[in-house]
Protein backbone atom coordinates (compact mmCIF):
# COMPACT_ATOMS: atom_id res chain seq x y z
CA MET A 1 50.81 9.09 0.12
CA GLU A 2 48.53 7.51 -2.16
CA ALA A 3 44.45 8.00 -3.20
CA VAL A 4 42.12 5.00 -4.43
CA ILE A 5 39.58 6.53 -6.92
CA LEU A 6 36.85 3.95 -6.93
CA SER A 7 35.27 3.66 -10.34
CA GLY A 8 34.64 0.46 -11.16
CA GLY A 9 30.97 0.74 -12.02
CA PHE A 10 29.70 0.97 -15.39
CA GLY A 11 28.27 4.67 -15.58
CA THR A 12 24.89 3.51 -15.93
CA ARG A 13 22.56 6.68 -15.02
CA LEU A 14 25.11 8.34 -17.65
CA LYS A 15 24.16 6.12 -20.33
CA PRO A 16 23.97 5.75 -23.51
CA ILE A 17 27.04 8.18 -23.53
CA THR A 18 28.89 5.35 -21.20
CA GLU A 19 28.51 2.73 -23.82
CA SER A 20 31.03 4.12 -25.89
CA ILE A 21 32.78 6.73 -23.11
CA PRO A 22 33.82 4.61 -19.53
CA LYS A 23 32.84 6.92 -16.80
CA PRO A 24 35.93 8.44 -15.78
CA LEU A 25 36.61 9.87 -19.04
CA VAL A 26 33.28 11.44 -19.83
CA PRO A 27 33.86 15.13 -20.88
CA LEU A 28 33.29 17.32 -17.58
CA ALA A 29 34.14 21.03 -18.61
CA ASN A 30 36.25 19.46 -21.41
CA ARG A 31 38.37 17.15 -19.20
CA PRO A 32 37.73 13.66 -18.02
CA LEU A 33 35.86 13.55 -14.91
CA VAL A 34 38.54 11.66 -13.17
CA GLU A 35 41.07 14.65 -13.78
CA TRP A 36 38.74 16.61 -11.95
CA VAL A 37 38.79 14.26 -8.83
CA ILE A 38 42.69 14.07 -9.32
CA GLN A 39 43.03 17.86 -9.20
CA ALA A 40 41.56 18.21 -6.06
CA LEU A 41 44.10 15.79 -4.28
CA PRO A 42 46.48 17.64 -1.93
CA PRO A 43 50.39 17.73 -2.74
CA THR A 44 51.35 15.12 0.03
CA VAL A 45 49.32 12.56 -2.33
CA ASP A 46 52.21 11.25 -4.88
CA LYS A 47 50.29 8.41 -6.21
CA VAL A 48 46.59 7.78 -7.49
CA VAL A 49 45.28 4.39 -7.51
CA LEU A 50 42.48 4.13 -10.07
CA SER A 51 40.08 1.03 -9.11
CA VAL A 52 37.85 0.39 -12.69
CA GLY A 53 36.48 -2.25 -14.42
CA TYR A 54 34.45 -1.50 -17.53
CA MET A 55 36.18 -0.15 -20.51
CA ALA A 56 39.14 -0.66 -18.63
CA ASP A 57 41.06 -0.68 -21.87
CA ALA A 58 40.10 2.97 -22.97
CA VAL A 59 41.40 3.68 -19.16
CA GLU A 60 44.58 2.41 -19.11
CA GLU A 61 45.31 3.66 -22.54
CA HIS A 62 44.30 7.41 -21.21
CA PHE A 63 46.76 7.35 -18.66
CA ARG A 64 49.33 5.55 -20.39
CA GLY A 65 51.16 8.65 -21.58
CA TRP A 66 49.82 10.73 -18.28
CA GLU A 67 52.29 13.34 -17.61
CA GLY A 68 50.23 14.90 -14.85
CA PRO A 69 51.77 15.99 -11.25
CA ARG A 70 50.94 12.07 -9.65
CA GLU A 71 51.95 8.72 -10.72
CA VAL A 72 48.66 7.16 -12.00
CA ALA A 73 48.09 3.43 -11.61
CA VAL A 74 44.99 1.53 -13.07
CA VAL A 75 43.85 -1.64 -11.01
CA ARG A 76 41.17 -3.54 -12.93
CA GLU A 77 38.39 -5.42 -11.56
CA GLU A 78 37.93 -8.79 -13.54
CA GLU A 79 34.62 -8.43 -11.94
CA PRO A 80 32.50 -6.22 -9.61
CA LEU A 81 33.37 -5.89 -6.28
CA GLY A 82 31.24 -3.26 -5.30
CA THR A 83 33.60 0.15 -3.37
CA GLY A 84 34.83 -2.49 -0.50
CA GLY A 85 36.15 -5.25 -3.28
CA GLY A 86 37.75 -2.32 -5.21
CA LEU A 87 39.42 -1.22 -2.58
CA LYS A 88 40.86 -3.93 -1.33
CA ASN A 89 42.06 -5.09 -4.66
CA ALA A 90 44.11 -2.02 -4.53
CA GLU A 91 45.65 -3.24 -1.34
CA LYS A 92 49.45 -3.77 -3.05
CA HIS A 93 49.94 -0.23 -3.32
CA LEU A 94 48.63 1.49 -0.17
CA GLY A 95 51.25 2.68 2.48
CA THR A 96 49.71 2.97 6.23
CA MET A 97 47.35 5.68 5.50
CA PHE A 98 45.49 6.73 2.51
CA VAL A 99 42.62 8.57 0.87
CA VAL A 100 39.67 7.13 -0.97
CA MET A 101 37.34 9.22 -3.68
CA ASN A 102 34.60 8.17 -5.14
CA GLY A 103 35.04 8.67 -8.96
CA ASP A 104 32.12 11.03 -10.00
CA VAL A 105 32.10 13.83 -6.85
CA ILE A 106 33.23 16.96 -7.66
CA SER A 107 33.27 18.65 -4.34
CA SER A 108 35.11 21.45 -2.23
CA VAL A 109 36.27 19.32 0.75
CA ASP A 110 39.94 20.00 1.77
CA VAL A 111 41.87 16.67 1.51
CA GLY A 112 44.71 18.27 3.40
CA GLU A 113 42.85 19.65 6.36
CA MET A 114 40.71 16.14 6.35
CA VAL A 115 44.18 14.23 6.67
CA GLU A 116 44.97 16.16 9.67
CA TYR A 117 42.19 15.66 11.20
CA HIS A 118 42.03 11.80 10.74
CA ILE A 119 45.36 11.58 12.67
CA LYS A 120 44.40 13.97 15.06
CA LYS A 121 41.17 11.82 15.65
CA GLU A 122 43.31 8.55 16.23
CA ALA A 123 40.58 7.62 13.40
CA GLU A 124 40.52 4.66 11.47
CA THR A 125 38.53 6.10 9.02
CA THR A 126 37.26 9.47 8.53
CA ILE A 127 34.14 10.48 6.12
CA ALA A 128 33.48 13.52 4.49
CA LEU A 129 30.09 15.19 5.05
CA TRP A 130 27.82 17.28 3.56
CA GLU A 131 24.85 18.64 4.47
CA VAL A 132 21.42 18.54 2.96
CA GLU A 133 18.08 20.13 3.25
CA ASP A 134 16.24 16.45 2.55
CA VAL A 135 17.99 13.44 3.59
CA SER A 136 14.90 11.15 2.74
CA ALA A 137 16.95 10.46 -0.30
CA TYR A 138 20.18 9.65 0.94
CA GLY A 139 21.45 7.60 4.26
CA ALA A 140 21.96 10.15 7.20
CA VAL A 141 24.42 10.24 9.77
CA ALA A 142 23.96 10.39 13.81
CA LEU A 143 27.19 11.58 15.22
CA ASP A 144 27.87 12.28 18.92
CA SER A 145 29.47 15.10 20.39
CA ASP A 146 32.96 14.45 19.50
CA MET A 147 31.70 14.21 15.84
CA ARG A 148 32.21 10.43 16.36
CA ILE A 149 30.18 8.48 13.51
CA ARG A 150 27.43 6.03 15.49
CA SER A 151 25.17 4.89 12.84
CA PHE A 152 23.82 5.70 9.85
CA VAL A 153 20.01 5.72 8.96
CA GLU A 154 18.72 4.53 5.42
CA LYS A 155 16.59 6.92 3.77
CA PRO A 156 14.28 8.90 7.37
CA ASP A 157 11.57 10.99 7.09
CA HIS A 158 12.39 14.33 8.51
CA ALA A 159 11.20 13.53 11.84
CA SER A 160 13.32 10.53 12.38
CA ALA A 161 16.54 11.79 10.82
CA PRO A 162 19.49 11.34 13.35
CA SER A 163 20.72 14.94 11.64
CA ARG A 164 20.95 16.60 7.72
CA MET A 165 24.00 15.13 7.09
CA ILE A 166 25.21 12.85 4.49
CA ASN A 167 27.83 10.90 3.25
CA ALA A 168 30.03 12.59 0.75
CA GLY A 169 32.13 9.70 -0.79
CA VAL A 170 35.13 11.31 0.71
CA TYR A 171 37.95 9.21 2.73
CA VAL A 172 40.92 8.94 4.54
CA MET A 173 41.56 5.42 5.99
CA SER A 174 43.82 3.57 8.10
CA HIS A 175 45.26 0.52 6.38
CA GLU A 176 44.12 -1.82 9.33
CA VAL A 177 40.27 -1.15 8.19
CA LEU A 178 41.47 -3.74 4.68
CA ASP A 179 41.94 -6.45 6.99
CA LEU A 180 37.78 -5.80 7.27
CA MET A 181 37.24 -7.12 3.47
CA GLU A 182 38.59 -10.32 1.90
CA PRO A 183 40.16 -10.67 -1.32
CA GLY A 184 38.58 -11.27 -4.30
CA ARG A 185 35.08 -10.58 -2.56
CA ALA A 186 32.46 -8.19 -3.15
CA CYS A 187 31.46 -5.68 -0.22
CA SER A 188 30.52 -2.43 -0.22
CA LEU A 189 32.27 0.13 2.30
CA GLU A 190 28.80 1.93 3.15
CA ARG A 191 26.97 -1.37 4.13
CA ASP A 192 29.48 -4.30 5.51
CA VAL A 193 32.57 -2.05 6.52
CA PHE A 194 31.85 1.20 7.94
CA PRO A 195 29.01 -0.35 10.00
CA GLU A 196 32.06 -2.14 11.65
CA ILE A 197 34.13 0.82 12.12
CA ALA A 198 31.46 2.52 14.16
CA ARG A 199 30.79 0.05 16.27
CA ARG A 200 35.09 -0.17 16.77
CA GLN A 201 33.96 3.46 18.01
CA SER A 202 37.18 4.53 15.42
CA LEU A 203 34.86 6.06 12.45
CA TYR A 204 34.53 10.14 12.60
CA GLY A 205 33.11 12.55 10.15
CA PHE A 206 34.45 15.72 9.08
CA ARG A 207 32.62 18.61 7.91
CA PHE A 208 32.98 20.64 4.94
CA ALA A 209 31.31 23.51 3.24
CA GLY A 210 30.96 25.20 -0.02
CA HIS A 211 29.76 22.28 -2.83
CA TRP A 212 29.39 19.11 -3.31
CA VAL A 213 28.01 16.90 -6.28
CA ASP A 214 27.66 13.58 -7.35
CA ALA A 215 27.86 13.80 -11.39
CA GLY A 216 26.82 10.70 -12.19
CA THR A 217 23.15 11.71 -13.35
CA ARG A 218 22.68 14.55 -16.42
CA GLU A 219 21.06 16.86 -13.54
CA ASN A 220 24.20 17.04 -11.66
CA PHE A 221 26.14 16.23 -14.64
CA LEU A 222 25.01 19.89 -16.03
CA ARG A 223 25.01 21.32 -12.33
CA ALA A 224 28.91 20.16 -11.76
CA ASN A 225 29.35 21.46 -15.25
CA ALA A 226 28.16 24.60 -14.19
CA LEU A 227 30.36 25.07 -11.54
CA LEU A 228 33.69 24.38 -12.83
CA ILE A 229 32.92 26.78 -15.86
CA ARG A 230 31.41 29.81 -13.50
CA ASP A 231 34.25 32.32 -14.62
CA ALA A 232 34.50 30.98 -18.14
CA VAL A 233 33.89 33.93 -21.00
CA PRO A 234 34.47 32.75 -24.59
CA ASP A 235 37.43 33.49 -25.90
CA VAL A 236 36.63 34.37 -29.19
CA LYS A 237 33.07 36.44 -29.98
CA GLU A 238 32.35 36.07 -33.23
CA PRO A 239 30.16 38.76 -34.46
CA GLY A 240 26.64 38.35 -34.40
CA VAL A 241 26.40 35.43 -31.77
CA SER A 242 24.67 36.12 -28.37
CA TYR A 243 26.62 34.84 -25.37
CA THR A 244 25.66 34.38 -21.64
CA PRO A 245 28.48 33.45 -19.57
CA PRO A 246 29.80 31.13 -18.40
CA VAL A 247 30.29 29.71 -21.95
CA LEU A 248 33.41 27.28 -22.47
CA MET A 249 34.54 26.66 -26.09
CA GLY A 250 37.48 24.34 -27.06
CA ASP A 251 39.39 24.30 -29.89
CA GLY A 252 38.91 25.22 -33.15
CA THR A 253 34.84 25.45 -32.72
CA VAL A 254 32.81 27.19 -35.12
CA ILE A 255 29.40 29.28 -34.55
CA GLU A 256 27.56 30.77 -36.86
CA PRO A 257 25.77 34.14 -36.48
CA GLY A 258 22.73 34.21 -34.97
CA ALA A 259 23.28 31.79 -32.42
CA GLU A 260 22.67 31.92 -28.95
CA ILE A 261 24.78 30.22 -26.36
CA GLY A 262 24.70 29.94 -22.99
CA PRO A 263 24.33 30.26 -19.77
CA ASN A 264 25.86 27.03 -18.52
CA VAL A 265 27.25 25.73 -21.84
CA THR A 266 30.27 23.87 -22.51
CA LEU A 267 31.48 23.32 -26.65
CA GLY A 268 33.59 20.80 -27.00
CA ASP A 269 36.45 20.75 -29.66
CA ARG A 270 35.60 20.97 -33.66
CA VAL A 271 32.09 22.13 -32.47
CA TRP A 272 30.20 23.64 -35.25
CA VAL A 273 27.17 25.68 -34.33
CA ALA A 274 24.46 26.71 -37.12
CA SER A 275 22.94 30.13 -37.51
CA ASP A 276 20.02 30.63 -35.28
CA ALA A 277 20.81 27.43 -32.80
CA LYS A 278 19.94 27.74 -29.09
CA ILE A 279 21.87 25.77 -26.54
CA GLN A 280 21.43 26.58 -23.00
CA ASN A 281 22.60 24.87 -20.22
CA ALA A 282 24.43 21.86 -21.78
CA VAL A 283 27.22 19.61 -22.70
CA ILE A 284 28.24 19.15 -26.54
CA MET A 285 31.10 17.33 -26.78
CA ASP A 286 33.75 16.58 -29.73
CA GLY A 287 33.29 17.13 -32.88
CA THR A 288 29.26 17.53 -32.66
CA SER A 289 27.25 19.91 -35.44
CA VAL A 290 24.36 21.21 -34.07
CA GLY A 291 22.11 22.37 -37.22
CA PRO A 292 20.50 25.74 -37.84
CA GLY A 293 17.64 26.59 -35.71
CA ALA A 294 18.26 23.48 -33.51
CA VAL A 295 17.76 23.74 -29.80
CA VAL A 296 19.50 22.23 -26.85
CA THR A 297 18.48 22.52 -23.43
CA ASP A 298 19.06 21.06 -19.89
CA SER A 299 21.11 17.98 -21.79
CA VAL A 300 24.21 16.72 -22.60
CA ILE A 301 25.42 15.33 -26.23
CA GLY A 302 28.30 12.56 -27.23
CA ARG A 303 30.71 13.40 -29.51
CA GLY A 304 30.52 13.32 -33.12
CA SER A 305 26.62 13.74 -33.16
CA MET A 306 24.94 15.23 -35.54
CA LEU A 307 21.67 17.40 -34.53
CA GLN A 308 19.90 18.79 -37.46
CA GLU A 309 18.03 21.66 -38.80
CA GLY A 310 15.35 22.45 -36.39
CA VAL A 311 15.72 19.93 -33.85
CA ARG A 312 14.44 20.57 -30.09
CA VAL A 313 16.48 18.25 -27.25
CA ASP A 314 15.33 18.95 -23.70
CA ARG A 315 16.44 17.59 -20.64
CA GLU A 316 18.24 14.66 -22.68
CA ILE A 317 21.39 12.60 -22.95
CA ILE A 318 22.14 11.30 -26.45
CA GLY A 319 25.16 9.04 -27.18
CA CYS A 320 28.20 9.54 -29.45
CA GLY A 321 27.59 9.48 -32.91
CA VAL A 322 24.01 9.84 -33.34
CA ALA A 323 21.99 11.63 -36.40
CA VAL A 324 19.00 13.36 -34.90
């Protein structure tokens, strides 16, 4: 079975890092974001199709030497096609049933169980559903007693919301759904395709528990990082360094005495942290230096950057190769 990972966007919410690194390859917990999505797939998926547009050359180069357990094919969008158009663009790689995932979602959904549910319901499309406290920032799902999706209500207030369930960006689809999209034409699964399948009474919801994070913003990127490293402890504990787990450290990283690291910190390869620096709830990418007394909180720092002595960075995204 195949899985399509939709990664055609520009990663605008993670700029300026995505000016240098395509969003699928942005390091999260010291691995490219898209590799975490691939890892979540069940063994029944033996081929992954990446639908990409922006900086496709870099994505192709990354997977040219791929030695993972599944074949990975990169399909280019020469112009932005939206979620539906990007899926249609990958049609030649797809069989009678396939999985579709948004490329920036980190979740605990059991995709194998979801496939079995899809088959049992004889659905055209099954959508993973996540429950939130406040649906006003999302599109809420209206369901019947059999978990059939009747409609979507965009950003409802609390009183008018049909449920607290939202689209979690993971789908199982049967091949006939592709007939609802035109080749080479932009369209949206959420706005154009799913409402039509709902009218055909063949769109079902699959509830799951655990965790769900859209890692496409700074805040959520850091939430996803904390989730993925929750059991991590430093392999090397340098004398005089204060660690508050979880802390994930890459190879060749040097931390000087007096530094305070953690909680919820990932340091990439060859990171240098000077004495008396403090880092909390942050991702510091490969080759970055953090100067003496510098403070980094709630921030993402791009690879090869330099934070000078005494600098304070709070709730920021710093691009790659930047001196601050």
